[in-house]
Amino acid sequence: MSKLTDHLNSSSASPGPASSPVRVQELPHRQRKALSRLGSWRRFHRGPRRSAKALLRRLDRYPDAVLVAGCQRSGTTMLTRIIAQSAGFRGLALTCDDELDAALALCGEVDLPLKQRYCFQTTYLNERHAEYAMMGTGHRLVWVLRNPRSVVYSMVHNWRRFALNELYEACGVRLASTPRLRNARWPWPWGPTRLEKACLSYSAKTSQIFEIQKLIPQERVLVVDYDALVDSPHDCLARIFTFIDEPYDPVYAHDVSRMSTGKALQLSAKAKMIIADNTERTYDQCQALIR
């Protein structure tokens, strides 16, 4: 259990929504069957993602929801959980993955209880990012930007093949400049290396924020830097909670983790050079959105 949840559970006030996430038992039988049928990302990608229906088609059911997105491995899960466990929100515990819970709710496979406020992690949208245009006046999007070395390191060393391939085929391959890089499923040397897939995926996914900003009004999207969040959690979280119109409690900063911040130092000099050549321009351009 997180420090934030401990704090909320031990409060002298009555337990808030954060102490009781939505669980399977609250859903009708038909929707429980949907969870068993679509309860993994592989099944979700074979089902709702391949459908012509919008993945955010039920977003309007949750008119004051907060969406958290950015490139995968950028700290979006941590930030989503901090917001979802705060006093004004209710978390999700339907499957073993709360982002998958969000995906199933937003595409209409399950209906979450109403009269609650939710924070949905939506990094999974990938090639469907134009659907952010479906956001209403009460919705807010927090886009997390993280330095490319840390993200690419995590993709290469901490991600399974399916996840990296899915992101590369959805986003990264669009930046492929040679036939070899476009051979997404071929092993090296006939196809791209995992490092190349991660670099191109980072640049393609991260740069989506420029297109998203053209789809929704400026006051509904906030770009935050993950490294700034880790270095100055109180300042950054206070800004985020002001943006989403919720009171900020300093205890929320206790769940900001620094555990993975130094792993990118283990990259070889060659890997650092490849990452710099393929990602730094995108990262610098996105940094300008924060400044």
Protein backbone atom coordinates (compact mmCIF):
# COMPACT_ATOMS: atom_id res chain seq x y z
CA MET A 1 0.00 0.00 0.00
CA SER A 2 1.34 3.46 -0.89
CA LYS A 3 2.12 6.20 1.62
CA LEU A 4 -0.67 8.26 0.09
CA THR A 5 -3.24 5.50 0.61
CA ASP A 6 -1.96 4.95 4.18
CA HIS A 7 -2.46 8.65 4.86
CA LEU A 8 -5.99 8.68 3.48
CA ASN A 9 -6.96 5.51 5.32
CA SER A 10 -5.64 6.80 8.62
CA SER A 11 -7.35 10.19 8.33
CA SER A 12 -9.75 11.09 11.13
CA ALA A 13 -12.33 12.03 8.51
CA SER A 14 -14.52 9.42 6.86
CA PRO A 15 -12.65 7.39 4.23
CA GLY A 16 -12.61 9.20 0.88
CA PRO A 17 -13.03 7.69 -2.57
CA ALA A 18 -9.30 7.05 -2.80
CA SER A 19 -9.53 4.35 -0.11
CA SER A 20 -12.04 2.31 -2.14
CA PRO A 21 -11.16 1.86 -5.82
CA VAL A 22 -13.76 0.51 -8.20
CA ARG A 23 -13.63 -3.30 -8.13
CA VAL A 24 -15.10 -6.06 -10.27
CA GLN A 25 -17.83 -6.79 -7.72
CA GLU A 26 -19.47 -3.42 -8.46
CA LEU A 27 -20.03 -4.25 -12.12
CA PRO A 28 -23.05 -6.08 -13.55
CA HIS A 29 -22.56 -9.69 -14.64
CA ARG A 30 -22.40 -8.85 -18.36
CA GLN A 31 -19.52 -6.45 -17.81
CA ARG A 32 -17.68 -8.93 -15.62
CA LYS A 33 -17.73 -11.28 -18.59
CA ALA A 34 -16.26 -8.51 -20.74
CA LEU A 35 -13.38 -8.19 -18.27
CA SER A 36 -12.66 -11.91 -18.45
CA ARG A 37 -12.79 -11.72 -22.25
CA LEU A 38 -10.64 -8.59 -22.61
CA GLY A 39 -8.56 -8.69 -19.46
CA SER A 40 -5.14 -8.39 -21.11
CA TRP A 41 -3.52 -5.95 -23.51
CA ARG A 42 -3.15 -8.63 -26.19
CA ARG A 43 -6.91 -9.25 -26.08
CA PHE A 44 -7.64 -5.54 -26.04
CA HIS A 45 -5.50 -5.02 -29.14
CA ARG A 46 -7.22 -7.90 -30.92
CA GLY A 47 -10.64 -6.52 -29.94
CA PRO A 48 -11.47 -2.84 -29.30
CA ARG A 49 -8.31 -1.45 -30.92
CA ARG A 50 -9.04 -3.18 -34.22
CA SER A 51 -12.62 -1.94 -34.16
CA ALA A 52 -13.61 1.12 -36.16
CA LYS A 53 -15.28 2.52 -33.04
CA ALA A 54 -13.49 5.28 -31.16
CA LEU A 55 -11.45 4.17 -28.15
CA LEU A 56 -12.65 7.30 -26.28
CA ARG A 57 -16.27 7.01 -27.33
CA ARG A 58 -17.52 6.88 -23.70
CA LEU A 59 -15.35 9.72 -22.42
CA ASP A 60 -18.41 11.95 -22.24
CA ARG A 61 -19.81 9.63 -19.54
CA TYR A 62 -17.12 11.06 -17.22
CA PRO A 63 -17.41 14.82 -17.90
CA ASP A 64 -14.80 15.99 -15.36
CA ALA A 65 -12.19 13.29 -15.91
CA VAL A 66 -8.46 13.94 -16.00
CA LEU A 67 -6.42 12.17 -18.70
CA VAL A 68 -2.71 11.49 -18.24
CA ALA A 69 -0.61 10.64 -21.28
CA GLY A 70 2.77 11.02 -22.93
CA CYS A 71 5.27 8.54 -24.25
CA GLN A 72 5.22 5.15 -22.57
CA ARG A 73 7.80 4.66 -19.78
CA SER A 74 7.69 8.39 -18.97
CA GLY A 75 6.18 8.23 -15.49
CA THR A 76 2.53 8.46 -16.55
CA THR A 77 1.55 5.49 -14.37
CA MET A 78 3.04 7.08 -11.26
CA LEU A 79 1.33 10.42 -11.86
CA THR A 80 -2.00 8.79 -12.69
CA ARG A 81 -1.96 6.87 -9.43
CA ILE A 82 -1.06 9.94 -7.40
CA ILE A 83 -4.04 11.81 -8.85
CA ALA A 84 -6.38 8.79 -8.72
CA GLN A 85 -5.60 8.19 -5.05
CA SER A 86 -6.12 11.82 -4.06
CA ALA A 87 -9.14 12.88 -2.05
CA GLY A 88 -11.27 14.10 -4.96
CA PHE A 89 -10.89 11.01 -7.14
CA ARG A 90 -11.67 7.31 -7.19
CA GLY A 91 -9.15 4.77 -8.41
CA LEU A 92 -9.60 1.62 -10.49
CA ALA A 93 -8.84 -1.99 -9.54
CA LEU A 94 -10.70 -4.07 -12.13
CA THR A 95 -7.73 -5.93 -13.64
CA CYS A 96 -4.06 -6.13 -12.73
CA ASP A 97 -3.42 -3.00 -14.86
CA ASP A 98 -5.21 0.27 -14.09
CA GLU A 99 -4.42 1.68 -17.54
CA LEU A 100 -6.20 -1.31 -19.06
CA ASP A 101 -9.10 -0.58 -16.69
CA ALA A 102 -9.22 2.93 -18.14
CA ALA A 103 -9.08 1.65 -21.71
CA LEU A 104 -12.00 -0.73 -21.12
CA ALA A 105 -14.07 2.01 -19.47
CA LEU A 106 -13.40 4.66 -22.10
CA CYS A 107 -14.24 2.37 -25.02
CA GLY A 108 -17.49 1.30 -23.35
CA GLU A 109 -16.76 -2.30 -22.41
CA VAL A 110 -17.42 -1.48 -18.73
CA ASP A 111 -19.39 1.33 -17.12
CA LEU A 112 -17.84 2.83 -14.01
CA PRO A 113 -20.06 4.21 -11.22
CA LEU A 114 -21.25 7.73 -11.88
CA LYS A 115 -20.95 10.77 -9.62
CA GLN A 116 -17.24 10.03 -9.13
CA ARG A 117 -14.22 11.77 -10.58
CA TYR A 118 -11.66 9.62 -12.37
CA CYS A 119 -8.11 9.96 -13.63
CA PHE A 120 -7.49 7.84 -16.73
CA GLN A 121 -4.07 6.92 -18.09
CA THR A 122 -4.37 7.07 -21.89
CA THR A 123 -0.87 6.44 -23.21
CA TYR A 124 -2.30 3.40 -25.05
CA LEU A 125 -4.06 5.56 -27.66
CA ASN A 126 -0.93 5.72 -29.84
CA GLU A 127 -2.13 6.07 -33.46
CA ARG A 128 -5.59 7.10 -32.18
CA HIS A 129 -4.33 10.32 -30.60
CA ALA A 130 -6.67 12.40 -32.81
CA GLU A 131 -9.46 11.16 -30.52
CA TYR A 132 -8.36 13.71 -27.91
CA ALA A 133 -10.54 16.07 -29.94
CA MET A 134 -13.46 14.31 -28.19
CA MET A 135 -12.50 15.95 -24.88
CA GLY A 136 -15.22 18.14 -23.41
CA THR A 137 -15.01 21.46 -21.60
CA GLY A 138 -14.60 19.76 -18.21
CA HIS A 139 -11.84 17.37 -19.25
CA ARG A 140 -8.16 18.02 -18.63
CA LEU A 141 -5.10 16.39 -20.22
CA VAL A 142 -1.73 16.22 -18.44
CA TRP A 143 1.04 15.29 -20.89
CA VAL A 144 4.22 13.97 -19.26
CA LEU A 145 7.56 14.63 -20.95
CA ARG A 146 10.66 12.69 -19.88
CA ASN A 147 14.24 12.80 -21.11
CA PRO A 148 14.85 10.31 -23.95
CA ARG A 149 17.76 8.45 -22.36
CA SER A 150 15.66 7.29 -19.43
CA VAL A 151 12.68 6.38 -21.60
CA VAL A 152 14.68 4.51 -24.22
CA TYR A 153 16.67 2.65 -21.57
CA SER A 154 13.42 1.52 -19.94
CA MET A 155 11.91 0.43 -23.26
CA VAL A 156 14.96 -1.62 -24.19
CA HIS A 157 15.66 -3.23 -20.83
CA ASN A 158 12.33 -3.33 -18.96
CA TRP A 159 9.74 -3.90 -21.67
CA ARG A 160 8.56 -7.12 -23.25
CA ARG A 161 8.82 -7.62 -26.99
CA PHE A 162 5.05 -7.32 -27.58
CA ALA A 163 4.81 -3.86 -25.98
CA LEU A 164 7.75 -2.40 -27.89
CA ASN A 165 6.62 -3.93 -31.19
CA GLU A 166 3.09 -2.63 -30.72
CA LEU A 167 4.29 0.93 -30.07
CA TYR A 168 6.81 0.84 -32.90
CA GLU A 169 4.26 -0.41 -35.43
CA ALA A 170 1.67 2.12 -34.23
CA CYS A 171 3.98 5.15 -34.09
CA GLY A 172 7.69 4.68 -34.58
CA VAL A 173 7.71 3.05 -38.00
CA ARG A 174 6.33 6.29 -39.45
CA LEU A 175 9.76 7.83 -38.89
CA ALA A 176 11.62 4.91 -40.48
CA SER A 177 13.93 6.28 -43.17
CA THR A 178 15.19 2.99 -44.68
CA PRO A 179 13.62 -0.30 -45.81
CA ARG A 180 15.43 -2.10 -42.96
CA LEU A 181 13.81 0.13 -40.34
CA ARG A 182 10.41 -0.43 -41.94
CA ASN A 183 10.77 -4.22 -41.51
CA ALA A 184 9.19 -3.94 -38.08
CA ARG A 185 8.90 -7.67 -37.32
CA TRP A 186 12.20 -8.77 -38.85
CA PRO A 187 15.15 -9.46 -36.53
CA TRP A 188 18.38 -7.52 -36.83
CA PRO A 189 20.30 -7.20 -39.21
CA TRP A 190 17.29 -7.40 -41.58
CA GLY A 191 15.10 -5.28 -39.32
CA PRO A 192 15.60 -2.58 -36.66
CA THR A 193 17.30 -3.24 -33.35
CA ARG A 194 15.37 -2.80 -30.08
CA LEU A 195 17.32 0.42 -29.51
CA GLU A 196 16.31 1.80 -32.90
CA LYS A 197 12.67 0.85 -32.30
CA ALA A 198 12.72 2.58 -28.94
CA CYS A 199 14.31 5.77 -30.29
CA LEU A 200 11.91 6.17 -33.21
CA SER A 201 8.94 5.27 -31.02
CA TYR A 202 9.95 7.90 -28.47
CA SER A 203 10.25 10.65 -31.06
CA ALA A 204 7.00 9.77 -32.83
CA LYS A 205 4.97 9.36 -29.67
CA THR A 206 6.39 12.38 -27.85
CA SER A 207 5.88 14.71 -30.79
CA GLN A 208 2.15 13.88 -30.88
CA ILE A 209 1.67 16.65 -28.33
CA PHE A 210 2.07 19.23 -31.11
CA GLU A 211 -0.86 17.72 -33.02
CA ILE A 212 -2.92 17.31 -29.85
CA GLN A 213 -2.51 20.98 -28.98
CA LYS A 214 -4.18 21.85 -32.27
CA LEU A 215 -7.18 19.64 -31.38
CA ILE A 216 -8.05 20.98 -27.94
CA PRO A 217 -8.00 24.46 -26.38
CA GLN A 218 -4.79 25.45 -24.64
CA GLU A 219 -6.43 25.72 -21.23
CA ARG A 220 -7.28 22.00 -21.26
CA VAL A 221 -3.75 20.63 -21.68
CA LEU A 222 -0.72 20.91 -19.42
CA VAL A 223 2.76 19.64 -20.35
CA VAL A 224 4.90 18.69 -17.35
CA ASP A 225 8.49 17.49 -17.15
CA TYR A 226 8.96 14.19 -15.32
CA ASP A 227 12.46 15.09 -14.17
CA ALA A 228 11.18 18.36 -12.72
CA LEU A 229 8.42 16.41 -10.97
CA VAL A 230 11.01 14.16 -9.35
CA ASP A 231 13.36 17.01 -8.44
CA SER A 232 10.67 19.39 -7.09
CA PRO A 233 7.59 17.27 -6.43
CA HIS A 234 5.72 19.80 -4.31
CA ASP A 235 6.04 22.62 -6.83
CA CYS A 236 5.14 20.45 -9.80
CA LEU A 237 2.24 18.62 -8.15
CA ALA A 238 0.81 21.88 -6.79
CA ARG A 239 0.78 23.20 -10.36
CA ILE A 240 -0.87 20.03 -11.66
CA PHE A 241 -3.58 20.03 -8.98
CA THR A 242 -4.30 23.69 -9.65
CA PHE A 243 -4.68 22.84 -13.32
CA ILE A 244 -7.16 20.01 -12.60
CA ASP A 245 -9.01 22.18 -10.06
CA GLU A 246 -8.41 19.99 -6.99
CA PRO A 247 -6.90 20.93 -3.61
CA TYR A 248 -3.28 19.88 -3.21
CA ASP A 249 -2.09 18.05 -0.09
CA PRO A 250 1.70 17.91 0.43
CA VAL A 251 1.39 14.23 1.36
CA TYR A 252 0.81 13.47 -2.32
CA ALA A 253 4.49 14.15 -3.00
CA HIS A 254 5.48 11.16 -0.87
CA ASP A 255 4.56 8.83 -3.73
CA VAL A 256 6.93 10.47 -6.24
CA SER A 257 9.63 7.86 -6.82
CA ARG A 258 13.27 8.49 -7.74
CA MET A 259 14.10 4.80 -8.12
CA SER A 260 14.60 4.75 -11.91
CA THR A 261 16.22 8.14 -12.44
CA GLY A 262 19.83 6.90 -12.65
CA LYS A 263 19.51 3.78 -14.76
CA ALA A 264 20.14 5.60 -18.05
CA LEU A 265 23.73 6.18 -16.87
CA GLN A 266 24.35 2.51 -17.65
CA LEU A 267 23.95 3.12 -21.39
CA SER A 268 27.02 2.67 -23.55
CA ALA A 269 28.60 5.63 -25.34
CA LYS A 270 27.37 4.26 -28.67
CA ALA A 271 23.81 3.88 -27.38
CA LYS A 272 23.85 7.44 -26.03
CA MET A 273 24.96 8.72 -29.42
CA ILE A 274 22.19 6.82 -31.24
CA ILE A 275 19.61 8.14 -28.79
CA ALA A 276 20.87 11.71 -29.16
CA ASP A 277 20.80 11.54 -32.96
CA ASN A 278 17.21 10.23 -33.05
CA THR A 279 15.46 11.90 -30.12
CA GLU A 280 17.08 15.05 -28.77
CA ARG A 281 15.58 17.43 -31.33
CA THR A 282 12.08 16.22 -30.44
CA TYR A 283 12.82 16.48 -26.73
CA ASP A 284 14.15 20.03 -27.02
CA GLN A 285 11.12 21.12 -29.05
CA CYS A 286 8.77 19.70 -26.42
CA GLN A 287 10.73 21.37 -23.63
CA ALA A 288 9.80 24.68 -25.21
CA LEU A 289 6.13 23.90 -24.50
CA ILE A 290 6.93 23.77 -20.78
CA ARG A 291 8.94 26.96 -20.78
